[in-house]
Amino acid sequence: MDDPRTWCGKGRVVAKRLSVVDVDRCVGCQACMFACVRRLGQGGLRGSRIRVASAGGMRKGFVVIVCRACPDPPCAHVCPEDALVRREGGGVRLKSERCIGCGNCVRACPFGAIEWDDEQEKPLICVYCGYCAEYCPYEVIELEEIGPSKDDAAEAGITLGDPRFRGDDGK
């Protein structure tokens, strides 16, 4: 899988996450979902790590549900086998071999962003690759840089009040 980080000076990397830019643009085409599954070499919608749901029909629009890359992810806290490992910059990585299929992570996600693979009895976790965003015809979602770590910012002479600095907490 692609590493959803970019090189940031002196060999450091910057984490990325998906962001819903303007949900009002979403027409419910599910192109993002198809792209996610297609990237994995499958067809259909089963296995998508992103979800588009109706908010009550065409008049009320749609909701795009995607991992928000929490800085302190509740899904990782409730995993009894440490199968969800915190990712630098927020969010988690799944260590599939450790997962026992308890489903605690699905219930713990405050955004409902963890899908479930019924066949493998394991969670489907977004890998922050941005493939879905590339196929969204209405630019509803985008892959954004979370920002340099606080150590990188300090080394570059950027202070906390500088608008170029965005730490893990979004500031």
Protein backbone atom coordinates (compact mmCIF):
# COMPACT_ATOMS: atom_id res chain seq x y z
CA MET A 1 0.00 0.00 0.00
CA ASP A 2 1.07 3.57 -0.59
CA ASP A 3 2.46 5.50 2.33
CA PRO A 4 0.00 8.38 2.86
CA ARG A 5 2.73 10.75 3.97
CA THR A 6 4.92 13.14 2.07
CA TRP A 7 8.54 13.99 2.62
CA CYS A 8 9.00 17.22 4.51
CA GLY A 9 12.55 18.55 4.45
CA LYS A 10 15.48 16.78 6.14
CA GLY A 11 13.97 13.33 5.44
CA ARG A 12 10.94 13.78 7.72
CA VAL A 13 7.43 12.93 6.68
CA VAL A 14 4.12 14.70 7.09
CA ALA A 15 1.03 12.61 7.79
CA LYS A 16 -2.11 13.01 5.70
CA ARG A 17 -5.81 12.46 6.32
CA LEU A 18 -9.05 12.70 4.40
CA SER A 19 -11.12 15.79 4.91
CA VAL A 20 -14.70 16.55 3.89
CA VAL A 21 -14.35 19.91 2.17
CA ASP A 22 -18.00 20.64 1.33
CA VAL A 23 -20.61 17.98 2.00
CA ASP A 24 -23.26 20.13 0.30
CA ARG A 25 -21.60 19.34 -3.05
CA CYS A 26 -22.13 15.59 -2.56
CA VAL A 27 -24.76 14.13 -4.91
CA GLY A 28 -24.51 10.60 -3.52
CA CYS A 29 -22.86 9.09 -6.61
CA GLN A 30 -20.61 6.91 -4.42
CA ALA A 31 -17.69 7.29 -6.85
CA CYS A 32 -15.42 7.62 -3.81
CA MET A 33 -16.63 4.28 -2.46
CA PHE A 34 -16.19 2.53 -5.81
CA ALA A 35 -12.67 4.00 -6.11
CA CYS A 36 -11.71 2.78 -2.64
CA VAL A 37 -12.75 -0.78 -3.39
CA ARG A 38 -11.31 -0.69 -6.90
CA ARG A 39 -7.91 0.34 -5.54
CA LEU A 40 -7.91 -2.94 -3.64
CA GLY A 41 -8.56 -4.85 -6.87
CA GLN A 42 -12.21 -5.61 -6.16
CA GLY A 43 -15.50 -4.44 -7.60
CA GLY A 44 -18.73 -3.18 -6.09
CA LEU A 45 -19.03 -1.32 -2.82
CA ARG A 46 -18.33 -4.05 -0.26
CA GLY A 47 -15.01 -3.35 1.40
CA SER A 48 -15.04 0.43 1.05
CA ARG A 49 -13.39 2.35 3.87
CA ILE A 50 -15.47 5.43 3.14
CA ARG A 51 -19.27 5.64 3.19
CA VAL A 52 -21.80 7.97 1.62
CA ALA A 53 -25.22 7.85 3.26
CA SER A 54 -28.46 9.69 2.69
CA ALA A 55 -29.31 12.38 5.20
CA GLY A 56 -32.99 11.96 4.29
CA GLY A 57 -33.25 11.89 0.52
CA MET A 58 -32.14 14.25 -2.21
CA ARG A 59 -33.71 17.25 -0.48
CA LYS A 60 -31.66 16.76 2.69
CA GLY A 61 -28.45 15.74 0.96
CA PHE A 62 -25.83 13.23 1.95
CA VAL A 63 -23.35 12.49 4.71
CA VAL A 64 -19.78 11.44 3.95
CA ILE A 65 -18.39 9.19 6.66
CA VAL A 66 -14.64 8.84 6.73
CA CYS A 67 -11.96 8.35 9.36
CA ARG A 68 -11.09 11.71 10.91
CA ALA A 69 -7.60 10.58 11.99
CA CYS A 70 -8.20 11.38 15.66
CA PRO A 71 -5.04 12.49 17.51
CA ASP A 72 -6.02 10.20 20.40
CA PRO A 73 -8.16 7.54 18.66
CA PRO A 74 -10.78 5.87 20.88
CA CYS A 75 -10.75 2.82 18.59
CA ALA A 76 -7.13 2.12 19.55
CA HIS A 77 -7.87 2.47 23.27
CA VAL A 78 -10.53 -0.24 23.28
CA CYS A 79 -8.60 -2.83 21.27
CA PRO A 80 -7.64 -5.61 23.71
CA GLU A 81 -4.90 -6.97 21.42
CA ASP A 82 -3.30 -3.67 20.31
CA ALA A 83 -4.26 -4.48 16.71
CA LEU A 84 -4.93 -0.80 16.04
CA VAL A 85 -1.66 1.07 16.31
CA ARG A 86 -1.68 4.84 16.56
CA ARG A 87 -0.33 6.57 13.51
CA GLU A 88 1.89 9.61 13.81
CA GLY A 89 -0.30 12.61 13.10
CA GLY A 90 -3.53 10.86 14.12
CA GLY A 91 -5.57 7.85 13.14
CA VAL A 92 -4.56 4.21 13.26
CA ARG A 93 -3.05 1.36 11.30
CA LEU A 94 -4.50 -2.14 11.52
CA LYS A 95 -2.19 -5.00 12.42
CA SER A 96 -4.53 -7.64 11.01
CA GLU A 97 -2.63 -10.59 12.47
CA ARG A 98 -3.31 -9.27 15.99
CA CYS A 99 -7.04 -8.64 15.48
CA ILE A 100 -9.38 -11.11 17.20
CA GLY A 101 -12.54 -9.70 15.61
CA CYS A 102 -14.19 -8.41 18.80
CA GLY A 103 -15.63 -5.30 17.08
CA ASN A 104 -14.85 -2.97 20.00
CA CYS A 105 -13.22 -0.52 17.58
CA VAL A 106 -16.38 -0.20 15.50
CA ARG A 107 -18.46 0.62 18.56
CA ALA A 108 -15.85 3.06 19.93
CA CYS A 109 -15.54 5.27 16.83
CA PRO A 110 -17.53 8.44 17.57
CA PHE A 111 -18.00 9.07 13.84
CA GLY A 112 -19.08 5.58 12.78
CA ALA A 113 -16.13 5.57 10.36
CA ILE A 114 -14.96 2.00 10.88
CA GLU A 115 -16.55 -0.44 8.48
CA TRP A 116 -16.64 -4.20 9.14
CA ASP A 117 -15.58 -7.08 6.89
CA ASP A 118 -18.09 -9.85 7.65
CA GLU A 119 -16.06 -12.47 5.80
CA GLN A 120 -12.77 -11.87 7.58
CA GLU A 121 -14.37 -10.68 10.83
CA LYS A 122 -12.06 -7.68 10.95
CA PRO A 123 -12.44 -3.92 10.74
CA LEU A 124 -11.89 -2.04 7.50
CA ILE A 125 -9.62 0.86 8.35
CA CYS A 126 -8.90 3.82 6.05
CA VAL A 127 -5.23 3.95 5.03
CA TYR A 128 -5.37 7.65 4.13
CA CYS A 129 -4.24 7.08 0.56
CA GLY A 130 -6.57 9.68 -0.97
CA TYR A 131 -7.56 7.49 -3.91
CA CYS A 132 -11.23 8.16 -3.20
CA ALA A 133 -10.68 11.92 -3.35
CA GLU A 134 -9.11 11.65 -6.80
CA TYR A 135 -12.35 10.18 -8.14
CA CYS A 136 -14.85 12.50 -6.46
CA PRO A 137 -16.23 14.52 -9.39
CA TYR A 138 -17.52 17.27 -7.10
CA GLU A 139 -14.41 17.69 -4.93
CA VAL A 140 -16.29 16.89 -1.76
CA ILE A 141 -13.29 15.23 -0.13
CA GLU A 142 -9.58 15.85 -0.26
CA LEU A 143 -6.40 14.42 1.14
CA GLU A 144 -4.81 17.05 3.33
CA GLU A 145 -1.54 17.32 5.17
CA ILE A 146 -2.04 17.19 8.90
CA GLY A 147 1.05 19.32 9.33
CA PRO A 148 4.58 19.02 10.56
CA SER A 149 5.17 17.58 13.98
CA LYS A 150 5.86 20.07 16.75
CA ASP A 151 9.52 19.03 16.73
CA ASP A 152 9.80 19.66 12.97
CA ALA A 153 8.15 23.06 13.37
CA ALA A 154 10.47 24.08 16.19
CA GLU A 155 13.52 22.99 14.21
CA ALA A 156 12.33 25.06 11.24
CA GLY A 157 11.87 28.11 13.49
CA ILE A 158 8.07 28.06 13.29
CA THR A 159 6.32 28.97 16.55
CA LEU A 160 2.93 27.79 17.71
CA GLY A 161 1.27 31.10 16.76
CA ASP A 162 2.61 30.97 13.20
CA PRO A 163 -0.22 30.23 10.69
CA ARG A 164 2.08 27.72 8.92
CA PHE A 165 2.03 25.48 12.00
CA ARG A 166 -0.81 23.04 12.47
CA GLY A 167 -0.13 20.48 15.14
CA ASP A 168 -2.03 17.25 15.73
CA ASP A 169 -4.73 19.15 17.61
CA GLY A 170 -5.57 21.26 14.52
CA LYS A 171 -3.98 24.45 15.89
